[in-house]
Amino acid sequence: MKKHLIKVVLSCAVVMGSFSSCKNSSSSKNVSRATGWKINAKEGGFQYNSDFKEQETPPGTVFVEGGTFTKGKVQDDIMHDWNNTPTQQHVQSFYMDETEVTNVMYLEYLDYLKAVYPPDDPKYANIYQGALPDTLVWRNRLGFNETMTNNYLRHPAYAEYPVVGVNWVQATQYAEWRTDRVNEVMLEREGYLADDTKYKVLNGELEGTFSTEAYLNNPESVYGGEIDSLQGKQKKDSINSFAKRSSGVIMPEYRLPTETEWEYAAQALVGTREYNNYRGRKKYPWEGDYTRNGQRVGRGDQLANFKQGKGDYGGIAGWSDDGADITGQVKSYKPNDFGLYDMAGNVNEWVADVYRPIVDDEISDFNYYRGNVFTKKAIGEDGKVEVLKDEIVYDTLPNGKIVAVNLPGEIKEVPVTEEETYLRTNFDKSDNRGFRDGDPGSSRFFSRFSEEDGDTQKMYDSPKHQVERNEDGEIVRQYDESNYRTSLINNEVRVYKGGSWRDRAYWLDPAQRRYLPQYMATDDIGFRCAMSRVGSKSRSKKTVRHKKAR
């Protein structure tokens, strides 16, 4: 037995030759298994975060382990919408805000924009104004709601209430801003930025700002080109002076959840193994077919904030059914089995998807999402990515509201071209919002359902209004006066889900879905952010599987 062991050791030493040891060549995390070269050597060469274990939970979110579920509804559809027929889908793991974005969270965003891009500066005026929620959504022709109009957003009494009056475009821009602020914190914590660098921007000590993509692609461009003087302890190591994706420090982007992710997270099947629930028969984010608590403690209490009946938004005085008349403070009800609050009731929530009546599971049943517009980073004449400095790109929405598409310091994005899509089988153009349902490739009978509209055709003949601003800043509106429009569906309408304080119990079902133009806002639609998980599907099972294998 001992002789056998000696032979193995000797043979290993002979085979590995110039390598330092069998252990280093086969299992050392700092030696390449491909070449035997050192990784993260002080002399230079390949640098990589070999100590990375798994993605940490981003601020404000909870982990949602992915899996298979039945998207849509198999119960009776009393509305006869035919827009939520059941399909089997699989979702990758992701993170989601445990609550809706609240007023105080959104006010932090507004405060940042106001400090960094002062609205009294003409070139910045529309940045702050374009991000402001529409507080007039509370007004009603036959109702006195001026208290909410004047106080709901800013008064401390409503600080932890979900923000409303935010359209889909504004919600996505908030998520982009949040990505950059969180990554600033991560880079400071890991020593790539000096402590409190982020506050220097707010205090006016720095003219430039931080953009995650700009930092990754052209780090010398962030903070107005002053990044060298703002580096932290990592600057001592010239090799790792800037963080890269391979450093494992940069968080993926915050974004709106896809409809599939949102519905999966709301159902929270992780807490049950009942066959019927797996097949899509779980009616609400909680167990059971009723909206009232059936447990001994709190028996009879409502489990969500919604409209009880005609003229009943919260029960009678002294004995409230759900504890709220309009929106309610977040975390007022128990979370679902993923730890997510208010996935039914309180406010509806924007999701990322463009609305279509049918979910095309024939083409995709993995991370289903309709709304992809593929872009690439613009490259300047110097061969580097093009960073927008003083140039600000604005867009005038159909309601006349001006929003900033790109902020100073961000990378310019342009659509992919035929050069990138040539001979590809997975996509062939930049804008895929109407793929297989609204573009010429949707049906061989496409021409029957479309009409000539300049050089383009469309299956969904929704009204097409022209809204723009002239040289004097005045809004010029040209309304579509056609009498032959038969649909409101186009590529600018987005899905919202979840039910709200204004809705009856029917809309609390996670499978229910409605849509609204992405530029519109109401007093019963809010949003929450999500972030994709990179790496393993599950945090808890990874170690267990390895132990079993041994």
Protein backbone atom coordinates (compact mmCIF):
# COMPACT_ATOMS: atom_id res chain seq x y z
CA MET A 1 0.00 0.00 0.00
CA LYS A 2 2.82 2.43 0.94
CA LYS A 3 4.73 1.60 -2.25
CA HIS A 4 1.63 2.35 -4.28
CA LEU A 5 1.28 5.78 -2.68
CA ILE A 6 4.94 6.56 -3.33
CA LYS A 7 4.52 5.70 -7.02
CA VAL A 8 1.51 8.02 -7.32
CA VAL A 9 3.37 10.92 -5.73
CA LEU A 10 6.46 10.38 -7.89
CA SER A 11 4.47 10.09 -11.10
CA CYS A 12 2.62 13.27 -10.26
CA ALA A 13 5.89 15.09 -9.67
CA VAL A 14 7.32 13.87 -12.99
CA VAL A 15 4.22 14.82 -14.99
CA MET A 16 3.91 18.29 -13.48
CA GLY A 17 7.55 19.00 -14.27
CA SER A 18 8.27 22.67 -13.71
CA PHE A 19 5.00 23.30 -11.84
CA SER A 20 5.46 24.03 -8.17
CA SER A 21 3.28 21.16 -6.93
CA CYS A 22 0.36 18.88 -7.76
CA LYS A 23 -1.82 20.86 -5.41
CA ASN A 24 -1.00 24.21 -6.97
CA SER A 25 -1.45 22.99 -10.53
CA SER A 26 -4.79 21.32 -10.02
CA SER A 27 -6.57 23.08 -7.21
CA SER A 28 -4.87 26.36 -6.29
CA LYS A 29 -7.18 29.24 -7.06
CA ASN A 30 -4.21 31.45 -8.00
CA VAL A 31 -2.71 29.10 -10.58
CA SER A 32 -4.30 28.67 -13.99
CA ARG A 33 -5.60 25.17 -14.73
CA ALA A 34 -5.25 26.01 -18.42
CA THR A 35 -1.64 27.21 -18.60
CA GLY A 36 -0.09 26.78 -15.15
CA TRP A 37 0.65 30.52 -15.06
CA LYS A 38 0.10 32.49 -11.87
CA ILE A 39 -3.13 34.42 -11.47
CA ASN A 40 -2.99 37.79 -9.68
CA ALA A 41 0.81 37.78 -9.73
CA LYS A 42 2.55 40.93 -8.49
CA GLU A 43 4.72 40.84 -11.58
CA GLY A 44 1.64 41.35 -13.77
CA GLY A 45 -0.35 39.10 -16.04
CA PHE A 46 -3.94 37.96 -15.63
CA GLN A 47 -5.81 39.64 -12.76
CA TYR A 48 -9.02 38.09 -11.49
CA ASN A 49 -11.03 37.97 -8.25
CA SER A 50 -10.39 34.33 -7.35
CA ASP A 51 -11.74 34.92 -3.82
CA PHE A 52 -15.25 35.74 -5.03
CA LYS A 53 -17.86 33.48 -3.42
CA GLU A 54 -21.27 34.73 -4.49
CA GLN A 55 -23.19 37.90 -5.19
CA GLU A 56 -24.20 39.73 -2.06
CA THR A 57 -27.78 40.87 -1.57
CA PRO A 58 -28.10 44.42 -2.93
CA PRO A 59 -29.43 47.18 -0.64
CA GLY A 60 -33.18 47.10 -0.13
CA THR A 61 -33.75 43.74 -1.81
CA VAL A 62 -34.43 40.11 -0.95
CA PHE A 63 -33.25 37.00 -2.77
CA VAL A 64 -35.77 35.23 -5.03
CA GLU A 65 -34.60 31.76 -6.03
CA GLY A 66 -35.65 30.97 -9.58
CA GLY A 67 -37.63 27.99 -10.76
CA THR A 68 -40.52 26.72 -12.83
CA PHE A 69 -44.10 27.92 -12.49
CA THR A 70 -47.32 28.35 -14.44
CA LYS A 71 -47.58 31.92 -15.61
CA GLY A 72 -51.13 33.08 -16.22
CA LYS A 73 -54.46 31.91 -14.86
CA VAL A 74 -56.23 28.58 -15.09
CA GLN A 75 -59.21 29.64 -12.97
CA ASP A 76 -62.36 31.21 -14.37
CA ASP A 77 -61.71 34.49 -16.17
CA ILE A 78 -64.82 36.56 -15.50
CA MET A 79 -63.49 39.49 -17.54
CA HIS A 80 -63.01 37.27 -20.62
CA ASP A 81 -59.85 39.17 -21.48
CA TRP A 82 -58.05 36.13 -22.87
CA ASN A 83 -54.80 37.87 -22.06
CA ASN A 84 -53.47 35.66 -19.27
CA THR A 85 -53.77 32.13 -20.59
CA PRO A 86 -51.49 29.72 -18.70
CA THR A 87 -47.98 28.96 -19.94
CA GLN A 88 -45.18 27.04 -18.27
CA GLN A 89 -42.17 29.27 -17.68
CA HIS A 90 -38.79 29.12 -15.98
CA VAL A 91 -37.23 32.09 -14.21
CA GLN A 92 -33.61 32.54 -13.20
CA SER A 93 -32.82 33.66 -9.66
CA PHE A 94 -32.90 37.40 -9.02
CA TYR A 95 -33.26 40.02 -6.32
CA MET A 96 -36.30 42.22 -5.78
CA ASP A 97 -37.10 45.18 -3.55
CA GLU A 98 -38.83 43.94 -0.43
CA THR A 99 -41.27 46.89 -0.68
CA GLU A 100 -42.42 49.32 -3.31
CA VAL A 101 -40.18 52.34 -3.79
CA THR A 102 -41.39 54.79 -1.14
CA ASN A 103 -41.78 58.55 -1.14
CA VAL A 104 -38.64 59.05 0.92
CA MET A 105 -36.63 56.80 -1.40
CA TYR A 106 -37.79 58.79 -4.42
CA LEU A 107 -37.19 62.12 -2.65
CA GLU A 108 -33.55 61.11 -2.20
CA TYR A 109 -33.37 60.75 -5.97
CA LEU A 110 -34.96 64.17 -6.55
CA ASP A 111 -32.66 65.78 -4.01
CA TYR A 112 -29.63 64.37 -5.82
CA LEU A 113 -30.79 65.62 -9.21
CA LYS A 114 -31.56 69.06 -7.80
CA ALA A 115 -28.12 69.35 -6.20
CA VAL A 116 -26.05 67.98 -9.09
CA TYR A 117 -28.13 69.40 -11.95
CA PRO A 118 -29.57 72.69 -10.55
CA PRO A 119 -32.90 73.41 -12.27
CA ASP A 120 -32.14 77.14 -12.31
CA ASP A 121 -29.34 76.37 -14.78
CA PRO A 122 -31.01 76.52 -18.23
CA LYS A 123 -29.09 73.53 -19.61
CA TYR A 124 -30.21 71.37 -16.65
CA ALA A 125 -33.74 72.72 -16.17
CA ASN A 126 -35.58 69.74 -17.63
CA ILE A 127 -33.61 67.05 -15.78
CA TYR A 128 -35.16 67.75 -12.38
CA GLN A 129 -38.55 68.75 -13.78
CA GLY A 130 -38.72 65.60 -15.87
CA ALA A 131 -38.20 63.38 -12.82
CA LEU A 132 -40.90 64.98 -10.66
CA PRO A 133 -43.94 62.74 -9.99
CA ASP A 134 -47.27 64.06 -11.17
CA THR A 135 -48.94 65.08 -7.89
CA LEU A 136 -52.08 66.15 -9.75
CA VAL A 137 -53.04 62.49 -10.21
CA TRP A 138 -54.86 62.78 -6.88
CA ARG A 139 -57.38 65.30 -8.18
CA ASN A 140 -60.91 64.20 -8.96
CA ARG A 141 -63.65 66.24 -10.59
CA LEU A 142 -66.10 65.23 -7.88
CA GLY A 143 -63.78 64.57 -4.96
CA PHE A 144 -61.82 66.65 -2.47
CA ASN A 145 -58.28 65.27 -2.54
CA GLU A 146 -56.19 68.42 -2.33
CA THR A 147 -54.59 67.22 0.90
CA MET A 148 -52.90 64.39 -1.01
CA THR A 149 -52.08 66.65 -3.95
CA ASN A 150 -50.15 69.02 -1.66
CA ASN A 151 -48.72 66.62 0.91
CA TYR A 152 -48.52 63.00 -0.23
CA LEU A 153 -45.08 63.15 -1.85
CA ARG A 154 -43.16 65.33 0.59
CA HIS A 155 -44.82 65.31 4.01
CA PRO A 156 -43.02 63.06 6.57
CA ALA A 157 -46.38 61.47 7.45
CA TYR A 158 -46.26 59.75 4.04
CA ALA A 159 -42.51 59.02 4.00
CA GLU A 160 -42.88 55.22 4.01
CA TYR A 161 -45.86 55.15 1.66
CA PRO A 162 -45.31 53.98 -1.93
CA VAL A 163 -44.55 56.76 -4.39
CA VAL A 164 -47.24 57.26 -7.05
CA GLY A 165 -47.66 59.61 -9.99
CA VAL A 166 -44.52 58.11 -11.54
CA ASN A 167 -44.76 56.95 -15.13
CA TRP A 168 -42.89 53.97 -16.56
CA VAL A 169 -40.16 56.09 -18.13
CA GLN A 170 -39.45 57.84 -14.83
CA ALA A 171 -39.37 54.52 -12.98
CA THR A 172 -36.72 53.11 -15.33
CA GLN A 173 -34.62 56.26 -14.98
CA TYR A 174 -34.79 56.00 -11.19
CA ALA A 175 -33.46 52.43 -11.44
CA GLU A 176 -30.55 53.60 -13.61
CA TRP A 177 -29.68 56.34 -11.11
CA ARG A 178 -29.87 53.87 -8.22
CA THR A 179 -27.42 51.53 -9.96
CA ASP A 180 -24.76 54.22 -10.08
CA ARG A 181 -25.25 55.33 -6.47
CA VAL A 182 -24.99 51.78 -5.11
CA ASN A 183 -21.87 51.05 -7.14
CA GLU A 184 -20.26 54.20 -5.81
CA VAL A 185 -20.76 52.80 -2.31
CA MET A 186 -19.30 49.43 -3.34
CA LEU A 187 -16.21 51.02 -4.88
CA GLU A 188 -15.62 53.16 -1.78
CA ARG A 189 -16.01 50.15 0.49
CA GLU A 190 -13.49 48.10 -1.50
CA GLY A 191 -10.96 50.92 -1.69
CA TYR A 192 -11.27 51.80 -5.36
CA LEU A 193 -12.62 55.25 -4.45
CA ALA A 194 -11.63 57.49 -1.58
CA ASP A 195 -14.08 57.68 1.31
CA ASP A 196 -16.99 60.10 0.85
CA THR A 197 -16.19 60.76 -2.81
CA LYS A 198 -19.90 60.54 -3.57
CA TYR A 199 -20.66 63.47 -1.28
CA LYS A 200 -18.18 65.72 -3.07
CA VAL A 201 -20.44 65.61 -6.09
CA LEU A 202 -23.44 66.65 -4.00
CA ASN A 203 -21.50 69.46 -2.33
CA GLY A 204 -20.33 70.88 -5.64
CA GLU A 205 -16.68 70.03 -5.07
CA LEU A 206 -16.69 67.97 -8.27
CA GLU A 207 -18.26 68.99 -11.56
CA GLY A 208 -18.60 65.52 -13.02
CA THR A 209 -20.60 62.54 -11.79
CA PHE A 210 -20.22 58.77 -11.67
CA SER A 211 -21.67 56.40 -14.26
CA THR A 212 -21.17 52.65 -13.84
CA GLU A 213 -20.81 51.92 -17.55
CA ALA A 214 -18.53 54.91 -18.09
CA TYR A 215 -16.32 53.76 -15.20
CA LEU A 216 -16.05 50.23 -16.60
CA ASN A 217 -15.32 51.31 -20.17
CA ASN A 218 -13.45 54.57 -19.72
CA PRO A 219 -12.71 55.17 -16.02
CA GLU A 220 -10.71 58.34 -16.71
CA SER A 221 -13.92 60.05 -17.86
CA VAL A 222 -15.89 59.86 -14.58
CA TYR A 223 -16.02 62.68 -12.05
CA GLY A 224 -15.16 65.15 -14.78
CA GLY A 225 -11.82 63.46 -15.45
CA GLU A 226 -10.63 63.81 -11.84
CA ILE A 227 -10.76 60.10 -10.99
CA ASP A 228 -6.99 59.87 -10.41
CA SER A 229 -7.18 62.18 -7.39
CA LEU A 230 -10.18 60.30 -5.97
CA GLN A 231 -8.84 56.77 -5.86
CA GLY A 232 -8.64 54.86 -2.59
CA LYS A 233 -6.17 52.39 -1.13
CA GLN A 234 -6.22 50.25 -4.28
CA LYS A 235 -4.26 52.99 -6.04
CA LYS A 236 -1.14 51.68 -4.30
CA ASP A 237 -1.46 48.62 -6.51
CA SER A 238 -1.05 49.96 -10.04
CA ILE A 239 -2.42 46.73 -11.50
CA ASN A 240 -5.75 47.00 -9.68
CA SER A 241 -6.17 50.78 -9.60
CA PHE A 242 -9.58 50.51 -11.29
CA ALA A 243 -12.27 47.92 -10.69
CA LYS A 244 -13.41 45.78 -13.61
CA ARG A 245 -16.24 43.33 -14.03
CA SER A 246 -13.72 40.59 -13.24
CA SER A 247 -13.12 42.28 -9.87
CA GLY A 248 -16.56 41.13 -8.71
CA VAL A 249 -17.21 44.48 -7.03
CA ILE A 250 -19.56 46.10 -9.54
CA MET A 251 -23.23 45.23 -9.00
CA PRO A 252 -25.48 44.39 -11.97
CA GLU A 253 -27.98 47.10 -12.83
CA TYR A 254 -31.15 47.84 -10.93
CA ARG A 255 -34.14 47.68 -13.28
CA LEU A 256 -37.85 47.08 -13.37
CA PRO A 257 -38.71 43.39 -12.99
CA THR A 258 -40.02 41.58 -16.03
CA GLU A 259 -43.65 40.54 -15.87
CA THR A 260 -42.59 36.90 -15.54
CA GLU A 261 -40.27 37.69 -12.64
CA TRP A 262 -42.88 39.81 -10.90
CA GLU A 263 -45.62 37.20 -11.18
CA TYR A 264 -43.27 34.41 -10.06
CA ALA A 265 -42.14 36.46 -7.05
CA ALA A 266 -45.73 37.35 -6.12
CA GLN A 267 -46.93 33.73 -6.21
CA ALA A 268 -44.03 32.66 -3.96
CA LEU A 269 -44.46 28.93 -4.52
CA VAL A 270 -41.31 28.37 -2.46
CA GLY A 271 -43.49 28.05 0.63
CA THR A 272 -45.68 25.25 -0.66
CA ARG A 273 -45.32 21.90 -2.38
CA GLU A 274 -48.98 21.41 -3.24
CA TYR A 275 -49.48 20.13 -6.76
CA ASN A 276 -52.37 22.49 -7.54
CA ASN A 277 -50.35 25.54 -6.58
CA TYR A 278 -47.48 24.42 -8.80
CA ARG A 279 -49.93 24.14 -11.68
CA GLY A 280 -51.01 27.75 -11.26
CA ARG A 281 -53.94 27.45 -8.89
CA LYS A 282 -52.57 29.60 -6.11
CA LYS A 283 -54.92 32.56 -6.15
CA TYR A 284 -53.08 35.13 -4.04
CA PRO A 285 -49.54 35.72 -2.74
CA TRP A 286 -50.69 34.06 0.49
CA GLU A 287 -52.17 30.59 1.05
CA GLY A 288 -55.92 30.10 0.63
CA ASP A 289 -58.70 31.43 -1.55
CA TYR A 290 -59.78 34.30 0.70
CA THR A 291 -58.52 37.80 1.43
CA ARG A 292 -59.03 37.53 5.21
CA ASN A 293 -56.66 36.00 7.72
CA GLY A 294 -57.75 32.52 8.78
CA GLN A 295 -55.08 32.02 11.44
CA ARG A 296 -55.83 32.19 15.13
CA VAL A 297 -53.92 35.42 15.66
CA GLY A 298 -55.51 38.21 13.65
CA ARG A 299 -58.38 36.06 12.44
CA GLY A 300 -60.64 37.98 10.08
CA ASP A 301 -58.15 40.77 9.31
CA GLN A 302 -57.68 41.66 5.67
CA LEU A 303 -54.35 40.53 4.21
CA ALA A 304 -53.98 43.40 1.74
CA ASN A 305 -55.02 46.98 1.09
CA PHE A 306 -57.75 47.01 -1.55
CA LYS A 307 -61.27 48.27 -2.20
CA GLN A 308 -63.74 46.17 -0.22
CA GLY A 309 -66.84 47.22 -2.12
CA LYS A 310 -68.82 50.16 -3.45
CA GLY A 311 -67.72 53.18 -1.41
CA ASP A 312 -65.72 51.00 1.01
CA TYR A 313 -61.98 51.68 0.94
CA GLY A 314 -61.12 50.71 4.51
CA GLY A 315 -64.06 49.70 6.66
CA ILE A 316 -66.02 51.69 9.23
CA ALA A 317 -64.48 54.03 11.80
CA GLY A 318 -63.16 52.26 14.87
CA TRP A 319 -62.90 48.92 13.12
CA SER A 320 -60.93 49.16 9.91
CA ASP A 321 -60.89 46.21 7.55
CA ASP A 322 -57.48 46.84 6.07
CA GLY A 323 -56.04 49.77 8.00
CA ALA A 324 -55.95 52.22 5.11
CA ASP A 325 -58.22 54.29 2.92
CA ILE A 326 -55.74 55.34 0.24
CA THR A 327 -52.31 53.76 0.04
CA GLY A 328 -50.88 52.33 3.25
CA GLN A 329 -47.45 52.38 4.84
CA VAL A 330 -45.21 49.64 3.48
CA LYS A 331 -44.74 46.53 5.62
CA SER A 332 -48.21 46.96 7.13
CA TYR A 333 -49.10 43.40 6.12
CA LYS A 334 -47.24 40.13 6.34
CA PRO A 335 -44.77 39.38 3.56
CA ASN A 336 -45.16 36.42 1.26
CA ASP A 337 -42.88 33.39 1.46
CA PHE A 338 -40.09 35.19 -0.42
CA GLY A 339 -40.16 38.02 2.13
CA LEU A 340 -41.81 40.48 -0.27
CA TYR A 341 -44.37 42.95 1.04
CA ASP A 342 -47.53 44.21 -0.70
CA MET A 343 -47.31 42.02 -3.79
CA ALA A 344 -51.10 42.32 -3.76
CA GLY A 345 -52.90 45.57 -3.09
CA ASN A 346 -51.66 48.96 -1.90
CA VAL A 347 -50.49 50.08 -5.36
CA ASN A 348 -50.26 48.45 -8.74
CA GLU A 349 -46.69 48.14 -9.99
CA TRP A 350 -45.04 48.81 -13.31
CA VAL A 351 -43.14 45.92 -14.87
CA ALA A 352 -40.68 46.11 -17.74
CA ASP A 353 -42.73 44.37 -20.45
CA VAL A 354 -44.45 45.83 -23.46
CA TYR A 355 -48.06 44.63 -23.39
CA ARG A 356 -49.37 42.03 -25.79
CA PRO A 357 -52.49 39.90 -25.26
CA ILE A 358 -50.66 36.63 -25.87
CA VAL A 359 -47.49 35.32 -24.23
CA ASP A 360 -45.48 33.66 -26.99
CA ASP A 361 -44.16 30.62 -25.13
CA GLU A 362 -43.51 28.82 -28.41
CA ILE A 363 -40.48 31.02 -28.99
CA SER A 364 -39.40 31.44 -25.35
CA ASP A 365 -40.19 29.74 -22.05
CA PHE A 366 -37.01 30.85 -20.27
CA ASN A 367 -36.85 34.33 -18.70
CA TYR A 368 -39.70 35.43 -20.94
CA TYR A 369 -39.69 39.17 -21.65
CA ARG A 370 -41.15 41.31 -24.41
CA GLY A 371 -39.40 44.66 -24.75
CA ASN A 372 -35.85 44.04 -25.91
CA VAL A 373 -34.24 46.92 -27.77
CA PHE A 374 -30.63 45.88 -28.27
CA THR A 375 -28.05 48.67 -28.35
CA LYS A 376 -24.30 49.04 -28.39
CA LYS A 377 -21.90 51.63 -27.04
CA ALA A 378 -20.99 54.39 -29.45
CA ILE A 379 -17.28 54.46 -30.30
CA GLY A 380 -15.62 57.79 -31.01
CA GLU A 381 -12.93 58.60 -33.54
CA ASP A 382 -10.27 57.91 -30.91
CA GLY A 383 -11.47 54.32 -30.60
CA LYS A 384 -12.86 54.82 -27.10
CA VAL A 385 -16.46 54.77 -25.98
CA GLU A 386 -18.23 58.07 -26.47
CA VAL A 387 -19.05 59.70 -23.13
CA LEU A 388 -21.63 62.48 -23.14
CA LYS A 389 -20.16 65.49 -21.37
CA ASP A 390 -22.14 68.69 -21.83
CA GLU A 391 -24.53 67.08 -24.31
CA ILE A 392 -27.89 66.12 -22.79
CA VAL A 393 -30.42 64.15 -24.83
CA TYR A 394 -34.06 64.99 -24.09
CA ASP A 395 -37.28 63.37 -25.24
CA THR A 396 -40.71 64.98 -25.41
CA LEU A 397 -43.35 62.46 -24.30
CA PRO A 398 -46.79 62.40 -25.93
CA ASN A 399 -48.25 64.30 -22.96
CA GLY A 400 -45.73 67.12 -23.45
CA LYS A 401 -43.49 66.18 -20.51
CA ILE A 402 -39.76 66.51 -21.21
CA VAL A 403 -37.46 63.83 -19.79
CA ALA A 404 -33.71 63.40 -20.06
CA VAL A 405 -32.73 60.30 -22.01
CA ASN A 406 -29.01 60.62 -21.24
CA LEU A 407 -27.36 62.50 -18.40
CA PRO A 408 -23.91 64.10 -18.59
CA GLY A 409 -21.17 61.56 -17.98
CA GLU A 410 -23.09 58.59 -19.38
CA ILE A 411 -22.08 56.53 -22.38
CA LYS A 412 -23.93 57.16 -25.61
CA GLU A 413 -25.90 54.13 -26.75
CA VAL A 414 -26.84 53.49 -30.39
CA PRO A 415 -28.92 50.72 -32.02
CA VAL A 416 -27.17 47.60 -33.24
CA THR A 417 -26.70 47.46 -36.98
CA GLU A 418 -26.82 44.77 -39.66
CA GLU A 419 -23.11 44.21 -39.15
CA GLU A 420 -23.80 42.85 -35.66
CA THR A 421 -26.83 40.81 -36.69
CA TYR A 422 -25.56 39.36 -39.95
CA LEU A 423 -26.05 35.56 -40.03
CA ARG A 424 -27.23 35.52 -36.42
CA THR A 425 -30.05 33.15 -35.58
CA ASN A 426 -31.05 34.53 -32.18
CA PHE A 427 -31.85 38.11 -33.28
CA ASP A 428 -31.65 40.10 -36.48
CA LYS A 429 -32.48 43.71 -35.54
CA SER A 430 -32.26 46.21 -32.71
CA ASP A 431 -35.94 46.73 -31.81
CA ASN A 432 -37.69 43.45 -30.95
CA ARG A 433 -40.70 44.78 -29.09
CA GLY A 434 -43.10 43.69 -31.83
CA PHE A 435 -41.39 40.39 -32.63
CA ARG A 436 -43.93 37.75 -33.77
CA ASP A 437 -46.79 39.98 -32.69
CA GLY A 438 -46.96 43.31 -34.42
CA ASP A 439 -44.23 43.22 -37.04
CA PRO A 440 -44.43 41.88 -40.62
CA GLY A 441 -43.05 38.54 -39.47
CA SER A 442 -45.92 37.96 -37.06
CA SER A 443 -48.34 36.39 -39.48
CA ARG A 444 -48.61 35.42 -43.13
CA PHE A 445 -51.88 37.37 -43.08
CA PHE A 446 -50.19 40.49 -41.75
CA SER A 447 -51.29 42.67 -44.65
CA ARG A 448 -54.97 42.09 -43.84
CA PHE A 449 -54.60 43.71 -40.44
CA SER A 450 -52.33 46.62 -41.30
CA GLU A 451 -52.63 49.84 -43.17
CA GLU A 452 -50.20 52.02 -45.00
CA ASP A 453 -48.63 54.59 -42.71
CA GLY A 454 -45.85 56.27 -44.59
CA ASP A 455 -43.21 53.62 -45.20
CA THR A 456 -44.23 51.43 -42.29
CA GLN A 457 -46.98 48.97 -41.50
CA LYS A 458 -48.33 47.82 -38.18
CA MET A 459 -50.68 45.15 -36.97
CA TYR A 460 -51.95 47.18 -34.01
CA ASP A 461 -53.43 50.31 -35.53
CA SER A 462 -53.35 52.45 -32.41
CA PRO A 463 -53.62 56.25 -32.68
CA LYS A 464 -50.37 57.93 -33.60
CA HIS A 465 -50.10 61.45 -32.23
CA GLN A 466 -47.30 63.88 -33.05
CA VAL A 467 -46.09 65.91 -30.07
CA GLU A 468 -42.98 68.08 -30.17
CA ARG A 469 -41.64 71.42 -29.04
CA ASN A 470 -40.80 74.25 -31.42
CA GLU A 471 -37.83 76.59 -31.21
CA ASP A 472 -39.65 78.76 -28.65
CA GLY A 473 -40.26 75.80 -26.35
CA GLU A 474 -43.98 75.68 -27.07
CA ILE A 475 -45.71 72.32 -27.34
CA VAL A 476 -47.04 71.54 -30.81
CA ARG A 477 -49.67 68.80 -30.78
CA GLN A 478 -50.98 67.03 -33.85
CA TYR A 479 -53.62 64.50 -32.88
CA ASP A 480 -54.44 61.43 -34.92
CA GLU A 481 -57.98 62.11 -36.13
CA SER A 482 -58.48 58.81 -37.93
CA ASN A 483 -61.87 57.16 -37.37
CA TYR A 484 -60.54 53.70 -38.15
CA ARG A 485 -58.28 53.00 -35.18
CA THR A 486 -59.32 49.80 -33.42
CA SER A 487 -56.66 49.34 -30.73
CA LEU A 488 -54.70 51.17 -28.04
CA ILE A 489 -51.91 48.58 -28.17
CA ASN A 490 -48.52 49.69 -29.46
CA ASN A 491 -44.88 49.39 -28.46
CA GLU A 492 -45.18 52.16 -25.88
CA VAL A 493 -47.77 50.53 -23.62
CA ARG A 494 -46.46 48.72 -20.56
CA VAL A 495 -47.88 46.10 -18.23
CA TYR A 496 -48.79 46.82 -14.62
CA LYS A 497 -49.88 44.26 -12.05
CA GLY A 498 -50.84 43.57 -8.46
CA GLY A 499 -54.03 45.46 -7.69
CA SER A 500 -54.24 48.60 -5.59
CA TRP A 501 -56.19 50.50 -2.95
CA ARG A 502 -58.60 51.46 -5.76
CA ASP A 503 -59.16 47.90 -7.03
CA ARG A 504 -61.46 45.08 -6.03
CA ALA A 505 -60.09 41.69 -4.95
CA TYR A 506 -60.23 40.33 -8.51
CA TRP A 507 -57.09 42.29 -9.41
CA LEU A 508 -55.05 40.98 -6.47
CA ASP A 509 -54.41 37.76 -8.34
CA PRO A 510 -50.74 37.89 -9.50
CA ALA A 511 -51.78 36.53 -12.90
CA GLN A 512 -54.01 39.50 -13.71
CA ARG A 513 -52.52 42.11 -15.99
CA ARG A 514 -53.43 45.48 -17.40
CA TYR A 515 -51.62 48.05 -19.49
CA LEU A 516 -51.13 51.79 -19.75
CA PRO A 517 -49.05 54.04 -22.02
CA GLN A 518 -45.56 54.33 -20.58
CA TYR A 519 -45.78 58.13 -20.34
CA MET A 520 -48.91 58.16 -18.16
CA ALA A 521 -49.10 58.11 -14.35
CA THR A 522 -51.91 57.51 -11.87
CA ASP A 523 -52.52 57.65 -8.11
CA ASP A 524 -52.60 53.86 -7.85
CA ILE A 525 -49.48 52.75 -9.77
CA GLY A 526 -46.04 52.59 -8.17
CA PHE A 527 -43.05 50.35 -8.78
CA ARG A 528 -40.23 48.37 -7.24
CA CYS A 529 -36.81 47.46 -8.61
CA ALA A 530 -35.17 44.13 -9.36
CA MET A 531 -31.63 42.96 -10.07
CA SER A 532 -30.46 39.81 -11.83
CA ARG A 533 -28.41 37.29 -9.85
CA VAL A 534 -25.07 36.32 -11.33
CA GLY A 535 -23.68 32.91 -10.55
CA SER A 536 -25.41 29.98 -8.89
CA LYS A 537 -29.17 29.49 -8.86
CA SER A 538 -29.33 28.96 -5.11
CA ARG A 539 -27.30 30.31 -2.24
CA SER A 540 -28.18 27.64 0.29
CA LYS A 541 -27.95 24.43 -1.76
CA LYS A 542 -24.57 24.98 -3.40
CA THR A 543 -22.51 23.99 -0.38
CA VAL A 544 -24.82 21.11 0.48
CA ARG A 545 -24.48 19.57 -2.99
CA HIS A 546 -20.68 19.72 -2.82
CA LYS A 547 -20.65 17.99 0.56
CA LYS A 548 -22.92 15.22 -0.71
CA ALA A 549 -20.70 14.69 -3.75
CA ARG A 550 -17.71 14.14 -1.51
